[in-house]
Amino acid sequence: MKKFISIILSIAIIMSVCCISVYAEDAGVTDEKIYDIEGSYPYVFVHGMGGWGPDYEEMPYWGGWAASEGDVIGMYNSNGIEAYAATVGPFNSAWDRACELYAQLTGTVVDYGEAHSKEHNHDRFGKDFSSKILMGEPWDCESPINLVGHSFGGPTVRLFASLMAYGDETELAATGEETSPLFAGGHEKCINALITFSGVHNGSPIANLIHDNSTIMTFIAAFANLAGVLFGKGIMMWEDIQLGHFGLTAKQDQDKASFSWERIKNFALTGDNCGSDMTLRGAKELNEKIKLSPYTYYYSYSTISTEETVVGTQMPIPSNFALFYLTSMYIGTLEGKTIDGVYMDKNWAINDGIVPLASALYPSNCADTAKNYEEAINAGETIEGGRWYYMTPSVGFDHFDYCGTIDYPTSFEDFYFTLAETVNRTNK
């Protein structure tokens, strides 16, 4: 029965990123309010698990489809704020995605690291982004940018910022002067602000349910490999599933991949994938690797799409995205249980359809220093770098509502321009 439930839930999660209307529409500022957005640093948006980049124009991940309130990237750019949407591996680990993000920003070949690649039995090098640089010109790794991560994009940008600031000693020891600059560190001031939307900071029990069932992870890996065999790189909304370094999809110089049962099992069982990183134990291990930069401002936004029943469990509210109902109900029944050594209190049962509130607020190892942003502002405190500030959760919205559908407190435009004002306040 548990295996059957996990299969159904995994299908629901995959379908949830595919079943959205696909007609684009323009977004503009409809509010007469004057926003303090002048002088904003560029924003780089990073999608979550199963997400995609801007090349799928019919259904942009960050809004612009028929059911969305607006297009975040287009709205920012048309109003003087540079904004870019990155394209990282939809099912890759936070480490691999951080390496891909670095290559896109700098216009270089993806270097997953010699030590990391050997540990997980895949190629060290991936795609060459010299002809497809995310911001048009190579980022100098000095000019400040703002990073925005939705869902698993949260751990991705957190790890990226940590590597930029502090590097990785294991990789430096493995390759010395030939180590990727990403692993050298020394760029503590290059990330001005880091913002997460429904970030999976401490994992999700849904990931435990799916990843701990090797059949499900094997199915996902087999799906990716078959897609690489049949279609090469592109399939549905994904320009490239970016598993060429595992040998599952076509590499940059290949038209199509070849089928390999051994490579499928390696990806499913190696632990170097998004499913592993989003388990509660995987998230804890990731949190232990990630450090905060005292020069970066950290903000988290979260939503709640459940309400308490008469028997004390959490149930999804009627407006919740239909494909989140099963996952939301499952998380809502876990209060009082222990998973991976973590006791599921009420904040673990309250969720947005995929991510528990206890995971979306801030990394658990930062609990002693994290502050509620509104309370800090009302108390007249100065917003500090190197500390998490979490916003009061938006009640009645689900996991995807930040991707072009958020309508709180007054409008889509108000939300995103207020976000820019919040970030700019620290730059004055």
Protein backbone atom coordinates (compact mmCIF):
# COMPACT_ATOMS: atom_id res chain seq x y z
CA MET A 1 0.00 0.00 0.00
CA LYS A 2 2.80 2.46 0.86
CA LYS A 3 4.46 1.77 -2.50
CA PHE A 4 1.14 2.36 -4.30
CA ILE A 5 0.61 5.67 -2.48
CA SER A 6 4.15 6.83 -3.27
CA ILE A 7 3.65 6.01 -6.98
CA ILE A 8 0.41 8.00 -7.08
CA LEU A 9 2.02 10.94 -5.29
CA SER A 10 5.04 10.96 -7.58
CA ILE A 11 2.79 11.01 -10.64
CA ALA A 12 0.83 13.88 -9.10
CA ILE A 13 4.02 15.89 -8.52
CA ILE A 14 5.25 15.33 -12.08
CA MET A 15 1.84 16.20 -13.50
CA SER A 16 1.64 19.34 -11.36
CA VAL A 17 4.50 20.91 -13.30
CA CYS A 18 3.00 19.93 -16.65
CA CYS A 19 -0.74 20.64 -16.41
CA ILE A 20 -1.01 24.42 -16.58
CA SER A 21 -2.69 26.45 -19.34
CA VAL A 22 -0.28 27.49 -22.06
CA TYR A 23 -1.47 30.78 -23.52
CA ALA A 24 0.84 33.73 -22.87
CA GLU A 25 -0.28 37.22 -21.97
CA ASP A 26 1.50 40.49 -21.27
CA ALA A 27 2.02 41.85 -17.77
CA GLY A 28 2.28 45.49 -16.86
CA VAL A 29 1.97 47.79 -13.90
CA THR A 30 -1.69 48.51 -13.25
CA ASP A 31 -1.25 50.22 -9.90
CA GLU A 32 -0.55 53.97 -9.68
CA LYS A 33 1.63 53.51 -6.63
CA ILE A 34 5.21 54.75 -7.04
CA TYR A 35 7.71 52.04 -6.16
CA ASP A 36 11.26 52.65 -5.01
CA ILE A 37 12.96 50.32 -7.50
CA GLU A 38 15.56 52.63 -9.03
CA GLY A 39 19.09 51.25 -8.88
CA SER A 40 18.06 47.63 -8.35
CA TYR A 41 20.74 45.02 -8.86
CA PRO A 42 19.97 42.35 -11.50
CA TYR A 43 17.71 39.49 -10.42
CA VAL A 44 18.44 35.88 -11.37
CA PHE A 45 15.47 33.53 -10.92
CA VAL A 46 16.05 29.80 -10.44
CA HIS A 47 13.24 27.27 -10.85
CA GLY A 48 12.44 24.31 -8.64
CA MET A 49 12.37 20.55 -9.17
CA GLY A 50 10.90 19.61 -12.52
CA GLY A 51 11.04 23.26 -13.59
CA TRP A 52 12.20 24.75 -16.86
CA GLY A 53 13.75 27.88 -18.30
CA PRO A 54 12.55 30.70 -20.57
CA ASP A 55 12.95 28.78 -23.85
CA TYR A 56 9.47 27.24 -23.46
CA GLU A 57 7.69 30.43 -24.45
CA GLU A 58 4.20 28.91 -24.43
CA MET A 59 4.33 28.45 -20.67
CA PRO A 60 7.05 30.45 -18.88
CA TYR A 61 7.84 29.06 -15.44
CA TRP A 62 7.77 32.55 -13.92
CA GLY A 63 4.37 33.57 -15.28
CA GLY A 64 2.90 34.72 -18.55
CA TRP A 65 0.50 31.84 -19.19
CA ALA A 66 -3.27 32.29 -19.24
CA ALA A 67 -3.92 31.31 -15.62
CA SER A 68 -1.20 33.58 -14.28
CA GLU A 69 -1.54 37.13 -13.03
CA GLY A 70 1.55 38.21 -14.94
CA ASP A 71 5.07 37.55 -16.17
CA VAL A 72 7.60 38.30 -13.43
CA ILE A 73 10.65 38.43 -15.71
CA GLY A 74 8.96 40.54 -18.38
CA MET A 75 7.41 42.90 -15.85
CA TYR A 76 10.73 43.57 -14.12
CA ASN A 77 12.62 44.13 -17.38
CA SER A 78 9.95 46.44 -18.81
CA ASN A 79 10.17 48.58 -15.68
CA GLY A 80 13.91 49.02 -15.45
CA ILE A 81 14.90 46.03 -13.31
CA GLU A 82 17.19 43.53 -14.99
CA ALA A 83 15.77 40.03 -14.55
CA TYR A 84 16.82 36.67 -15.96
CA ALA A 85 15.45 33.13 -15.68
CA ALA A 86 18.08 30.41 -15.38
CA THR A 87 17.73 26.88 -16.76
CA VAL A 88 19.24 24.22 -14.51
CA GLY A 89 18.75 20.45 -14.43
CA PRO A 90 15.13 19.81 -13.38
CA PHE A 91 16.01 16.62 -11.49
CA ASN A 92 19.64 17.31 -10.60
CA SER A 93 21.05 17.75 -7.11
CA ALA A 94 21.55 21.19 -5.57
CA TRP A 95 25.32 20.81 -6.14
CA ASP A 96 24.98 20.00 -9.83
CA ARG A 97 22.43 22.78 -10.33
CA ALA A 98 24.69 25.32 -8.60
CA CYS A 99 27.51 24.34 -10.98
CA GLU A 100 25.17 24.75 -13.96
CA LEU A 101 24.05 28.16 -12.72
CA TYR A 102 27.65 29.32 -12.42
CA ALA A 103 28.43 28.22 -15.98
CA GLN A 104 25.37 30.04 -17.33
CA LEU A 105 26.28 33.25 -15.54
CA THR A 106 29.95 33.19 -16.55
CA GLY A 107 29.58 31.71 -20.02
CA THR A 108 31.81 28.72 -19.30
CA VAL A 109 31.69 24.92 -19.42
CA VAL A 110 29.88 23.32 -16.49
CA ASP A 111 32.43 21.88 -14.06
CA TYR A 112 30.81 19.60 -11.49
CA GLY A 113 34.10 19.19 -9.64
CA GLU A 114 36.60 16.36 -9.82
CA ALA A 115 35.97 15.01 -6.31
CA HIS A 116 32.18 15.30 -6.54
CA SER A 117 32.06 13.65 -9.97
CA LYS A 118 34.20 10.70 -8.90
CA GLU A 119 32.12 10.20 -5.76
CA HIS A 120 28.91 10.02 -7.77
CA ASN A 121 30.26 8.28 -10.84
CA HIS A 122 29.47 10.84 -13.53
CA ASP A 123 31.38 13.11 -15.91
CA ARG A 124 33.20 16.09 -14.46
CA PHE A 125 32.28 18.44 -17.31
CA GLY A 126 28.89 19.25 -18.83
CA LYS A 127 27.43 21.82 -21.22
CA ASP A 128 29.33 24.74 -22.70
CA PHE A 129 27.43 28.02 -22.13
CA SER A 130 29.90 30.31 -23.91
CA SER A 131 27.36 30.95 -26.69
CA LYS A 132 24.35 31.18 -24.38
CA ILE A 133 25.32 33.44 -21.49
CA LEU A 134 22.42 34.10 -19.16
CA MET A 135 22.90 37.87 -18.76
CA GLY A 136 24.25 38.46 -22.27
CA GLU A 137 27.78 39.13 -21.07
CA PRO A 138 29.87 36.99 -18.69
CA TRP A 139 29.26 37.87 -15.06
CA ASP A 140 32.47 39.13 -13.47
CA CYS A 141 31.60 37.47 -10.13
CA GLU A 142 32.13 40.84 -8.47
CA SER A 143 29.14 42.97 -9.52
CA PRO A 144 26.31 42.21 -7.07
CA ILE A 145 23.23 40.28 -8.15
CA ASN A 146 20.07 39.15 -6.38
CA LEU A 147 19.19 35.46 -6.42
CA VAL A 148 15.60 34.18 -6.30
CA GLY A 149 14.86 30.47 -5.85
CA HIS A 150 11.47 28.80 -5.90
CA SER A 151 11.00 25.46 -4.11
CA PHE A 152 14.18 23.40 -4.76
CA GLY A 153 15.58 26.53 -6.36
CA GLY A 154 15.96 27.69 -2.75
CA PRO A 155 18.63 25.14 -1.76
CA THR A 156 20.20 25.62 -5.20
CA VAL A 157 20.82 29.36 -4.80
CA ARG A 158 21.80 28.96 -1.15
CA LEU A 159 24.52 26.46 -2.05
CA PHE A 160 25.62 28.60 -4.99
CA ALA A 161 26.00 31.68 -2.78
CA SER A 162 27.91 29.68 -0.17
CA LEU A 163 30.33 28.29 -2.77
CA MET A 164 30.90 31.75 -4.23
CA ALA A 165 31.78 33.06 -0.78
CA TYR A 166 33.70 30.17 0.76
CA GLY A 167 34.46 27.65 -1.98
CA ASP A 168 34.96 23.95 -1.31
CA GLU A 169 38.11 22.55 0.30
CA THR A 170 37.60 19.04 -1.05
CA GLU A 171 37.54 20.23 -4.65
CA LEU A 172 40.56 22.48 -4.11
CA ALA A 173 42.47 19.55 -2.67
CA ALA A 174 41.51 17.35 -5.62
CA THR A 175 42.57 19.63 -8.49
CA GLY A 176 44.54 22.57 -7.08
CA GLU A 177 45.03 25.31 -9.65
CA GLU A 178 42.77 23.48 -12.13
CA THR A 179 39.79 23.79 -9.79
CA SER A 180 36.76 25.72 -11.04
CA PRO A 181 36.68 29.31 -9.68
CA LEU A 182 33.28 28.43 -8.20
CA PHE A 183 35.05 26.19 -5.67
CA ALA A 184 37.75 28.73 -4.88
CA GLY A 185 35.46 31.11 -3.00
CA GLY A 186 36.51 34.64 -2.14
CA HIS A 187 33.39 36.37 -3.48
CA GLU A 188 31.48 37.11 -0.28
CA LYS A 189 30.03 40.38 -1.60
CA CYS A 190 28.80 39.25 -5.02
CA ILE A 191 25.32 38.18 -3.86
CA ASN A 192 23.43 41.20 -2.58
CA ALA A 193 20.21 39.43 -1.59
CA LEU A 194 18.98 35.85 -1.64
CA ILE A 195 15.22 35.33 -1.74
CA THR A 196 13.41 32.01 -1.50
CA PHE A 197 9.79 31.28 -2.36
CA SER A 198 8.40 28.14 -0.72
CA GLY A 199 11.97 26.94 -0.32
CA VAL A 200 12.60 23.33 0.69
CA HIS A 201 15.13 24.36 3.32
CA ASN A 202 14.62 21.41 5.64
CA GLY A 203 13.23 18.87 3.19
CA SER A 204 9.75 17.49 2.62
CA PRO A 205 8.22 14.17 3.74
CA ILE A 206 7.01 13.80 0.15
CA ALA A 207 10.64 13.45 -0.94
CA ASN A 208 11.20 10.81 1.75
CA LEU A 209 8.18 8.87 0.52
CA ILE A 210 9.37 8.95 -3.08
CA HIS A 211 13.16 8.81 -2.79
CA ASP A 212 13.22 6.04 -0.21
CA ASN A 213 11.30 3.85 -2.65
CA SER A 214 14.04 2.86 -5.11
CA THR A 215 11.38 1.83 -7.63
CA ILE A 216 10.14 5.41 -7.94
CA MET A 217 13.62 6.92 -8.36
CA THR A 218 14.47 4.24 -10.90
CA PHE A 219 11.29 5.10 -12.78
CA ILE A 220 12.26 8.80 -12.90
CA ALA A 221 15.78 7.95 -14.10
CA ALA A 222 14.40 5.54 -16.71
CA PHE A 223 11.97 8.23 -17.90
CA ALA A 224 14.86 10.66 -18.37
CA ASN A 225 17.00 8.07 -20.17
CA LEU A 226 14.18 7.02 -22.51
CA ALA A 227 13.51 10.68 -23.26
CA GLY A 228 17.19 11.07 -24.13
CA VAL A 229 17.06 8.00 -26.38
CA LEU A 230 13.86 9.00 -28.17
CA PHE A 231 14.08 12.79 -28.29
CA GLY A 232 17.69 13.71 -27.62
CA LYS A 233 17.58 16.79 -25.42
CA GLY A 234 14.19 18.45 -25.74
CA ILE A 235 10.95 17.00 -24.40
CA MET A 236 7.75 18.85 -23.51
CA MET A 237 8.70 22.05 -21.65
CA TRP A 238 12.28 20.96 -21.02
CA GLU A 239 14.81 22.18 -23.56
CA ASP A 240 17.31 19.86 -21.93
CA ILE A 241 16.82 17.61 -18.90
CA GLN A 242 20.59 18.09 -18.41
CA LEU A 243 21.52 14.59 -17.34
CA GLY A 244 24.18 14.17 -20.00
CA HIS A 245 26.90 13.99 -17.35
CA PHE A 246 25.15 10.88 -16.00
CA GLY A 247 24.86 9.49 -19.54
CA LEU A 248 21.05 9.52 -19.35
CA THR A 249 20.34 12.27 -21.86
CA ALA A 250 22.22 13.46 -24.95
CA LYS A 251 25.41 15.38 -24.32
CA GLN A 252 25.97 18.68 -26.09
CA ASP A 253 27.73 17.07 -29.05
CA GLN A 254 25.25 14.21 -29.36
CA ASP A 255 21.87 13.99 -31.08
CA LYS A 256 20.52 11.28 -28.80
CA ALA A 257 21.55 9.25 -25.79
CA SER A 258 21.89 5.49 -25.53
CA PHE A 259 19.92 3.32 -23.12
CA SER A 260 21.84 2.09 -20.09
CA TRP A 261 20.36 0.22 -17.16
CA GLU A 262 23.57 0.72 -15.16
CA ARG A 263 23.45 4.51 -15.61
CA ILE A 264 19.79 4.54 -14.63
CA LYS A 265 20.55 2.69 -11.40
CA ASN A 266 23.54 4.92 -10.71
CA PHE A 267 21.47 8.10 -10.87
CA ALA A 268 18.64 6.60 -8.82
CA LEU A 269 20.88 5.25 -6.07
CA THR A 270 23.89 7.59 -5.97
CA GLY A 271 22.16 10.25 -3.86
CA ASP A 272 23.25 12.94 -6.32
CA ASN A 273 19.73 14.00 -7.31
CA CYS A 274 16.99 16.36 -6.21
CA GLY A 275 14.99 13.61 -4.51
CA SER A 276 17.82 12.78 -2.14
CA ASP A 277 18.53 16.44 -1.34
CA MET A 278 14.90 17.07 -0.45
CA THR A 279 14.54 14.24 2.05
CA LEU A 280 14.74 15.45 5.63
CA ARG A 281 18.14 13.82 6.14
CA GLY A 282 19.40 15.05 2.76
CA ALA A 283 18.33 18.61 3.54
CA LYS A 284 20.07 18.43 6.92
CA GLU A 285 23.31 17.31 5.28
CA LEU A 286 23.00 20.11 2.74
CA ASN A 287 22.35 22.69 5.47
CA GLU A 288 25.53 21.64 7.23
CA LYS A 289 27.54 22.45 4.07
CA ILE A 290 25.96 25.84 3.41
CA LYS A 291 27.31 28.96 5.11
CA LEU A 292 25.82 32.44 5.27
CA SER A 293 27.71 35.45 3.97
CA PRO A 294 27.62 38.51 6.26
CA TYR A 295 27.32 40.66 3.12
CA THR A 296 24.18 38.93 1.79
CA TYR A 297 20.59 39.62 2.89
CA TYR A 298 18.44 36.50 3.21
CA TYR A 299 14.65 36.60 2.84
CA SER A 300 12.12 33.77 2.75
CA TYR A 301 8.50 33.83 1.60
CA SER A 302 6.08 31.02 2.32
CA THR A 303 2.43 30.12 1.76
CA ILE A 304 -0.15 28.04 3.62
CA SER A 305 -2.86 26.15 1.76
CA THR A 306 -4.20 24.00 4.59
CA GLU A 307 -6.57 24.49 7.50
CA GLU A 308 -7.04 22.54 10.72
CA THR A 309 -9.90 20.04 10.95
CA VAL A 310 -12.02 19.28 14.00
CA VAL A 311 -9.80 16.29 14.74
CA GLY A 312 -6.62 18.38 14.61
CA THR A 313 -5.23 17.29 11.24
CA GLN A 314 -4.46 19.64 8.37
CA MET A 315 -6.55 19.49 5.19
CA PRO A 316 -6.06 21.39 1.91
CA ILE A 317 -8.30 24.41 1.43
CA PRO A 318 -10.76 24.37 -1.50
CA SER A 319 -8.72 26.86 -3.57
CA ASN A 320 -5.63 24.63 -3.45
CA PHE A 321 -4.27 23.46 -6.82
CA ALA A 322 -6.08 20.14 -7.41
CA LEU A 323 -2.93 18.13 -8.09
CA PHE A 324 -1.56 19.14 -4.68
CA TYR A 325 -4.48 17.61 -2.78
CA LEU A 326 -2.96 14.17 -2.28
CA THR A 327 0.45 15.46 -1.23
CA SER A 328 -1.08 18.12 0.99
CA MET A 329 -3.36 15.60 2.73
CA TYR A 330 -0.46 13.23 3.32
CA ILE A 331 1.74 15.89 4.93
CA GLY A 332 -1.22 17.08 6.99
CA THR A 333 -1.57 13.68 8.67
CA LEU A 334 2.04 13.44 9.86
CA GLU A 335 1.80 15.55 13.03
CA GLY A 336 3.16 13.61 15.99
CA LYS A 337 5.31 11.28 13.91
CA THR A 338 9.11 11.23 13.56
CA ILE A 339 10.85 11.11 10.17
CA ASP A 340 14.65 10.94 9.79
CA GLY A 341 14.93 11.84 13.47
CA VAL A 342 12.80 14.98 13.07
CA TYR A 343 9.64 15.26 15.17
CA MET A 344 6.70 16.44 13.07
CA ASP A 345 5.10 19.21 15.11
CA LYS A 346 2.19 21.34 13.88
CA ASN A 347 4.36 23.47 11.61
CA TRP A 348 5.41 20.30 9.78
CA ALA A 349 1.77 19.38 9.16
CA ILE A 350 0.82 22.87 7.93
CA ASN A 351 1.91 23.03 4.30
CA ASP A 352 1.54 24.63 0.88
CA GLY A 353 0.75 21.41 -0.94
CA ILE A 354 4.34 20.17 -1.21
CA VAL A 355 6.51 21.90 1.40
CA PRO A 356 5.75 22.03 5.15
CA LEU A 357 5.78 25.47 6.76
CA ALA A 358 8.58 24.31 9.09
CA SER A 359 10.75 23.76 6.03
CA ALA A 360 9.85 26.91 4.08
CA LEU A 361 10.59 29.51 6.78
CA TYR A 362 14.37 29.10 7.18
CA PRO A 363 17.06 26.39 7.47
CA SER A 364 16.75 24.63 10.84
CA ASN A 365 20.38 25.30 11.75
CA CYS A 366 19.67 29.05 11.44
CA ALA A 367 16.73 29.01 13.87
CA ASP A 368 18.64 30.79 16.63
CA THR A 369 19.28 33.87 14.50
CA ALA A 370 16.28 33.96 12.12
CA LYS A 371 13.77 36.79 12.60
CA ASN A 372 10.31 37.68 11.38
CA TYR A 373 10.88 40.53 8.92
CA GLU A 374 7.73 42.51 9.75
CA GLU A 375 8.41 42.31 13.48
CA ALA A 376 12.01 43.46 12.97
CA ILE A 377 10.90 46.45 10.86
CA ASN A 378 8.15 47.41 13.30
CA ALA A 379 10.68 47.31 16.13
CA GLY A 380 12.89 49.73 14.24
CA GLU A 381 15.69 47.21 13.76
CA THR A 382 18.24 47.50 10.98
CA ILE A 383 18.10 44.60 8.53
CA GLU A 384 21.39 42.74 8.78
CA GLY A 385 23.33 40.60 6.36
CA GLY A 386 24.07 36.99 7.23
CA ARG A 387 20.71 36.48 8.94
CA TRP A 388 17.46 34.95 7.70
CA TYR A 389 14.38 37.18 7.68
CA TYR A 390 11.14 35.31 7.07
CA MET A 391 7.95 36.99 5.96
CA THR A 392 4.63 36.23 7.60
CA PRO A 393 3.20 33.32 5.55
CA SER A 394 0.57 34.11 2.92
CA VAL A 395 -2.51 32.11 3.94
CA GLY A 396 -4.74 30.71 1.20
CA PHE A 397 -2.05 30.34 -1.46
CA ASP A 398 -0.30 27.18 -2.63
CA HIS A 399 3.18 26.13 -3.66
CA PHE A 400 3.01 27.52 -7.21
CA ASP A 401 1.39 30.86 -6.48
CA TYR A 402 4.70 32.74 -6.54
CA CYS A 403 5.23 31.64 -10.15
CA GLY A 404 3.04 34.30 -11.71
CA THR A 405 -0.19 33.82 -9.77
CA ILE A 406 0.37 35.48 -6.39
CA ASP A 407 -2.32 38.09 -5.70
CA TYR A 408 -1.44 39.22 -2.19
CA PRO A 409 -1.96 41.68 -0.64
CA THR A 410 -3.44 43.69 -3.52
CA SER A 411 -2.05 42.55 -6.84
CA PHE A 412 0.66 40.56 -8.60
CA GLU A 413 2.51 43.76 -9.49
CA ASP A 414 2.27 45.08 -5.94
CA PHE A 415 3.78 41.91 -4.54
CA TYR A 416 6.81 41.84 -6.83
CA PHE A 417 7.55 45.56 -6.76
CA THR A 418 7.21 45.56 -2.97
CA LEU A 419 9.73 42.70 -2.98
CA ALA A 420 12.11 44.89 -5.01
CA GLU A 421 11.55 47.75 -2.56
CA THR A 422 12.33 45.45 0.37
CA VAL A 423 15.61 44.38 -1.22
CA ASN A 424 16.47 47.95 -2.26
CA ARG A 425 15.96 49.22 1.25
CA THR A 426 19.18 47.47 2.27
CA ASN A 427 21.08 49.12 -0.61
CA LYS A 428 20.38 52.73 0.43
